[in-house]
């Protein structure tokens, strides 16, 4: 991991979910394990723990140390690195991260130049997709509705994961409306961000006293790096970082222990 690279690492939770839980245990906290114990399904618990284990293993390797404290959270709930809010530029050697999971996939993205967001979704047929498309930007909605399946479903998932990645980078998730900014919908787009959310259009009174926006968020879209990550059939995955011209590196690992090796 270096400051010019947007690094993405993932694992596929094949086989017994309880084995993945056991493998992640050494790299998780008591609070995280307690939270995982509340899940009804072992796969949900495994995804929760493995995502956090991936982050800790990568950060241990990058920072030359080890810590087992819980992740602090921003006022909007985005996890950050202890002890000094790494991931909130301009902190020196800042590393921001984003965790995402769906189906049997768990991924994490890391960036030292700016804030990062990543989203993966297992793609499945959506019966009311035309209605759901109304949540998107008007131009995206028109484009999605103009297609026939399976292209319509694929385009919807592309829009969804791309927009989620941007919102997660901004640290706000779906607290910001999906229709308030635009991404490209075509399959092979790389720099797919068309417009950013406008913070001035949101309730200022609801914002925390400490700004939750990454430094430089208001810059034009050319100042961002955005990509889709090929994680295999049946999934759509996108990543976005508030820094330009980053090299994007993605690797699917066999196990959590490979992180930082």
Protein backbone atom coordinates (compact mmCIF):
# COMPACT_ATOMS: atom_id res chain seq x y z
CA UNK A 1 0.00 0.00 0.00
CA UNK A 2 1.34 3.46 -0.93
CA UNK A 3 -0.03 6.98 -1.13
CA UNK A 4 -0.49 6.87 -4.92
CA UNK A 5 -2.55 3.67 -4.86
CA UNK A 6 -6.17 2.99 -4.06
CA UNK A 7 -5.83 -0.52 -2.66
CA UNK A 8 -8.75 -2.98 -2.61
CA UNK A 9 -8.59 -6.41 -0.99
CA UNK A 10 -11.31 -9.01 -0.71
CA UNK A 11 -12.12 -12.59 0.18
CA UNK A 12 -14.85 -14.99 -0.88
CA UNK A 13 -16.33 -16.74 2.14
CA UNK A 14 -16.48 -20.18 0.58
CA UNK A 15 -17.14 -23.23 2.71
CA UNK A 16 -18.09 -23.22 6.38
CA UNK A 17 -18.85 -19.72 7.70
CA UNK A 18 -17.83 -20.74 11.21
CA UNK A 19 -14.30 -21.42 9.97
CA UNK A 20 -14.10 -17.84 8.70
CA UNK A 21 -15.35 -16.57 12.05
CA UNK A 22 -12.59 -18.50 13.80
CA UNK A 23 -9.95 -17.18 11.39
CA UNK A 24 -11.05 -13.58 11.96
CA UNK A 25 -11.18 -13.80 15.76
CA UNK A 26 -7.51 -12.84 16.46
CA UNK A 27 -7.97 -9.57 14.53
CA UNK A 28 -11.25 -8.41 16.06
CA UNK A 29 -12.30 -6.82 19.35
CA UNK A 30 -14.55 -8.15 22.08
CA UNK A 31 -17.22 -5.62 21.13
CA UNK A 32 -17.12 -6.72 17.49
CA UNK A 33 -17.35 -10.37 18.47
CA UNK A 34 -20.29 -9.64 20.78
CA UNK A 35 -22.05 -7.79 17.98
CA UNK A 36 -21.40 -10.68 15.58
CA UNK A 37 -22.90 -13.07 18.12
CA UNK A 38 -26.26 -11.32 17.75
CA UNK A 39 -26.62 -12.35 14.11
CA UNK A 40 -28.96 -15.25 13.45
CA UNK A 41 -26.96 -16.57 10.49
CA UNK A 42 -23.29 -17.54 10.71
CA UNK A 43 -22.59 -15.99 7.29
CA UNK A 44 -23.70 -12.57 8.55
CA UNK A 45 -21.41 -12.88 11.56
CA UNK A 46 -18.53 -14.00 9.34
CA UNK A 47 -18.96 -11.03 7.00
CA UNK A 48 -19.00 -8.61 9.94
CA UNK A 49 -15.83 -10.01 11.51
CA UNK A 50 -13.87 -10.74 8.33
CA UNK A 51 -14.35 -7.17 7.08
CA UNK A 52 -12.82 -5.75 10.24
CA UNK A 53 -10.07 -8.36 10.24
CA UNK A 54 -9.12 -7.40 6.67
CA UNK A 55 -8.78 -3.77 7.69
CA UNK A 56 -6.68 -4.48 10.77
CA UNK A 57 -4.35 -6.83 8.94
CA UNK A 58 -3.76 -4.30 6.16
CA UNK A 59 -3.26 -1.39 8.55
CA UNK A 60 -0.89 -3.38 10.72
CA UNK A 61 1.24 -4.07 7.65
CA UNK A 62 1.07 -0.47 6.41
CA UNK A 63 1.73 1.23 9.73
CA UNK A 64 4.23 -1.20 11.18
CA UNK A 65 2.31 -1.81 14.37
CA UNK A 66 -0.63 -3.60 15.87
CA UNK A 67 -3.72 -2.38 17.69
CA UNK A 68 -6.87 -4.13 18.79
CA UNK A 69 -9.05 -1.20 19.84
CA UNK A 70 -12.46 -0.54 18.35
CA UNK A 71 -12.70 1.72 15.32
CA UNK A 72 -13.73 5.27 16.25
CA UNK A 73 -16.63 6.59 14.20
CA UNK A 74 -17.33 9.96 12.66
CA UNK A 75 -20.49 11.83 13.74
CA UNK A 76 -22.21 10.16 10.77
CA UNK A 77 -21.08 6.66 11.75
CA UNK A 78 -18.19 6.02 9.35
CA UNK A 79 -15.42 3.91 10.97
CA UNK A 80 -11.95 5.51 11.07
CA UNK A 81 -8.52 4.51 12.32
CA UNK A 82 -7.32 5.18 15.87
CA UNK A 83 -5.78 7.06 17.52
CA UNK A 84 -5.93 10.38 15.66
CA UNK A 85 -8.78 10.07 13.20
CA UNK A 86 -6.73 8.77 10.30
CA UNK A 87 -8.77 9.10 7.17
CA UNK A 88 -9.64 12.72 7.92
CA UNK A 89 -7.09 14.64 5.81
CA UNK A 90 -4.80 16.49 6.27
CA UNK A 91 -3.50 14.12 8.95
CA UNK A 92 -0.02 12.96 8.04
CA UNK A 93 0.14 9.44 6.62
CA UNK A 94 -3.64 9.28 6.84
CA UNK A 95 -5.27 6.05 5.74
CA UNK A 96 -8.99 6.04 5.11
CA UNK A 97 -10.82 2.76 4.61
CA UNK A 98 -14.20 1.40 3.60
CA UNK A 99 -15.70 -2.05 4.24
CA UNK A 100 -18.41 -3.67 2.13
CA UNK A 101 -19.95 -7.12 1.85
CA UNK A 102 -22.74 -8.91 0.03
CA UNK A 103 -23.46 -12.57 -0.58
CA UNK A 104 -20.23 -14.44 0.14
CA UNK A 105 -17.99 -11.49 -0.80
CA UNK A 106 -16.19 -9.21 1.68
CA UNK A 107 -14.06 -6.31 0.42
CA UNK A 108 -12.17 -3.39 1.91
CA UNK A 109 -10.62 -0.34 0.22
CA UNK A 110 -7.75 1.83 1.50
CA UNK A 111 -6.57 5.30 0.47
CA UNK A 112 -3.90 7.65 1.84
CA UNK A 113 -4.63 10.62 -0.44
CA UNK A 114 -8.28 11.19 0.44
CA UNK A 115 -11.51 9.64 1.63
CA UNK A 116 -12.58 6.32 0.11
CA UNK A 117 -15.85 4.46 -0.29
CA UNK A 118 -16.53 0.99 -1.69
CA UNK A 119 -19.72 -0.95 -2.34
CA UNK A 120 -20.30 -4.51 -3.54
CA UNK A 121 -23.71 -5.98 -4.32
CA UNK A 122 -24.76 -9.48 -5.28
CA UNK A 123 -26.84 -9.00 -8.42
CA UNK A 124 -30.27 -10.59 -8.45
CA UNK A 125 -33.46 -10.01 -10.46
CA UNK A 126 -35.46 -7.03 -9.15
CA UNK A 127 -39.20 -7.24 -9.98
CA UNK A 128 -39.93 -3.55 -9.28
CA UNK A 129 -36.74 -2.16 -10.77
CA UNK A 130 -38.51 0.58 -12.76
CA UNK A 131 -40.04 1.88 -9.54
CA UNK A 132 -36.74 1.68 -7.65
CA UNK A 133 -35.02 3.61 -10.44
CA UNK A 134 -37.06 6.64 -9.39
CA UNK A 135 -34.63 6.99 -6.46
CA UNK A 136 -31.80 7.72 -8.90
CA UNK A 137 -30.85 10.97 -10.61
CA UNK A 138 -33.49 11.82 -13.27
CA UNK A 139 -31.04 11.19 -16.11
CA UNK A 140 -29.98 7.85 -14.63
CA UNK A 141 -33.62 6.91 -14.11
CA UNK A 142 -34.46 7.61 -17.75
CA UNK A 143 -31.50 5.59 -18.99
CA UNK A 144 -32.25 2.60 -16.76
CA UNK A 145 -35.94 2.57 -17.67
CA UNK A 146 -35.11 2.75 -21.38
CA UNK A 147 -33.36 -0.63 -21.24
CA UNK A 148 -34.71 -4.17 -21.28
CA UNK A 149 -33.54 -6.94 -18.98
CA UNK A 150 -30.92 -8.14 -18.31
CA UNK A 151 -29.28 -4.83 -19.34
CA UNK A 152 -31.73 -2.86 -17.19
CA UNK A 153 -30.86 -4.79 -14.03
CA UNK A 154 -27.13 -4.52 -14.74
CA UNK A 155 -27.36 -0.76 -15.29
CA UNK A 156 -29.34 -0.31 -12.08
CA UNK A 157 -26.74 -2.17 -10.02
CA UNK A 158 -23.95 -0.17 -11.65
CA UNK A 159 -25.68 3.08 -10.69
CA UNK A 160 -26.41 1.85 -7.19
CA UNK A 161 -22.89 0.66 -6.30
CA UNK A 162 -21.24 3.70 -7.89
CA UNK A 163 -23.44 6.09 -5.96
CA UNK A 164 -23.07 4.13 -2.72
CA UNK A 165 -19.27 4.25 -3.10
CA UNK A 166 -19.35 8.05 -3.41
CA UNK A 167 -21.69 8.47 -0.44
CA UNK A 168 -19.57 6.15 1.69
CA UNK A 169 -16.47 8.16 0.78
CA UNK A 170 -18.29 11.30 1.91
CA UNK A 171 -19.08 9.46 5.12
CA UNK A 172 -22.82 9.91 4.87
CA UNK A 173 -24.16 6.73 3.27
CA UNK A 174 -27.81 6.86 2.27
CA UNK A 175 -28.47 9.86 4.53
CA UNK A 176 -27.89 11.84 1.31
CA UNK A 177 -30.39 11.32 -1.53
CA UNK A 178 -29.35 9.19 -4.49
CA UNK A 179 -31.08 11.58 -6.87
CA UNK A 180 -28.90 14.51 -5.75
CA UNK A 181 -25.87 13.64 -7.89
CA UNK A 182 -25.10 11.74 -11.08
CA UNK A 183 -22.91 8.88 -12.29
CA UNK A 184 -22.50 7.34 -15.72
CA UNK A 185 -24.45 4.15 -16.35
CA UNK A 186 -22.49 2.40 -19.10
CA UNK A 187 -20.67 -0.85 -18.38
CA UNK A 188 -17.07 0.09 -19.19
CA UNK A 189 -16.93 3.56 -17.65
CA UNK A 190 -13.89 4.17 -15.44
CA UNK A 191 -14.08 7.77 -14.26
CA UNK A 192 -17.84 7.50 -13.95
CA UNK A 193 -18.63 10.39 -11.58
CA UNK A 194 -20.62 13.14 -13.36
CA UNK A 195 -21.62 15.40 -10.45
CA UNK A 196 -21.17 15.49 -6.68
CA UNK A 197 -23.79 16.03 -3.97
CA UNK A 198 -24.25 19.68 -3.03
CA UNK A 199 -23.83 20.04 0.73
CA UNK A 200 -25.42 23.48 0.64
CA UNK A 201 -28.68 21.85 -0.36
CA UNK A 202 -28.95 19.87 2.86
CA UNK A 203 -30.18 20.79 6.31
CA UNK A 204 -27.29 22.68 7.87
CA UNK A 205 -28.80 22.40 11.35
CA UNK A 206 -28.61 18.61 11.13
CA UNK A 207 -24.88 18.63 10.42
CA UNK A 208 -22.51 18.02 13.34
CA UNK A 209 -20.32 20.84 14.64
CA UNK A 210 -17.26 18.93 13.45
CA UNK A 211 -17.47 18.72 9.64
CA UNK A 212 -18.00 15.19 8.37
CA UNK A 213 -17.06 16.04 4.78
CA UNK A 214 -13.63 14.93 3.53
CA UNK A 215 -11.24 17.77 2.78
CA UNK A 216 -11.69 18.91 -0.80
CA UNK A 217 -15.01 17.13 -1.28
CA UNK A 218 -16.43 20.13 -3.15
CA UNK A 219 -13.85 19.93 -5.91
CA UNK A 220 -14.87 19.03 -9.42
CA UNK A 221 -15.31 15.38 -10.29
CA UNK A 222 -11.96 15.29 -12.08
CA UNK A 223 -10.37 15.49 -8.63
CA UNK A 224 -11.80 12.05 -7.79
CA UNK A 225 -10.71 8.53 -8.76
CA UNK A 226 -13.63 6.22 -9.52
CA UNK A 227 -13.58 2.64 -10.78
CA UNK A 228 -15.60 -0.53 -11.03
CA UNK A 229 -13.83 -3.60 -9.64
CA UNK A 230 -14.30 -6.97 -11.33
CA UNK A 231 -14.91 -9.30 -8.37
CA UNK A 232 -16.44 -12.12 -10.39
CA UNK A 233 -19.78 -13.06 -11.97
CA UNK A 234 -22.95 -12.31 -10.07
CA UNK A 235 -21.57 -9.20 -8.37
CA UNK A 236 -21.18 -5.49 -9.07
CA UNK A 237 -18.50 -3.59 -7.17
CA UNK A 238 -17.43 0.07 -7.30
CA UNK A 239 -14.89 2.23 -5.47
CA UNK A 240 -14.47 6.01 -5.22
CA UNK A 241 -11.79 8.20 -3.63
CA UNK A 242 -11.58 11.97 -3.22
CA UNK A 243 -8.14 12.19 -4.83
CA UNK A 244 -7.21 12.26 -8.54
CA UNK A 245 -5.13 9.96 -10.72
CA UNK A 246 -4.74 7.13 -8.25
CA UNK A 247 -3.58 3.72 -9.38
CA UNK A 248 -6.27 1.18 -8.47
CA UNK A 249 -5.05 -2.22 -7.30
CA UNK A 250 -7.48 -5.01 -6.43
CA UNK A 251 -6.70 -8.52 -5.22
CA UNK A 252 -8.91 -11.40 -4.10
CA UNK A 253 -7.22 -13.26 -1.25
CA UNK A 254 -7.54 -16.88 -0.22
CA UNK A 255 -7.74 -16.04 3.49
CA UNK A 256 -7.48 -13.20 6.00
CA UNK A 257 -3.90 -14.14 6.86
CA UNK A 258 -2.68 -13.14 3.40
CA UNK A 259 -3.33 -9.43 4.11
CA UNK A 260 -0.12 -7.43 4.11
CA UNK A 261 1.97 -10.49 3.28
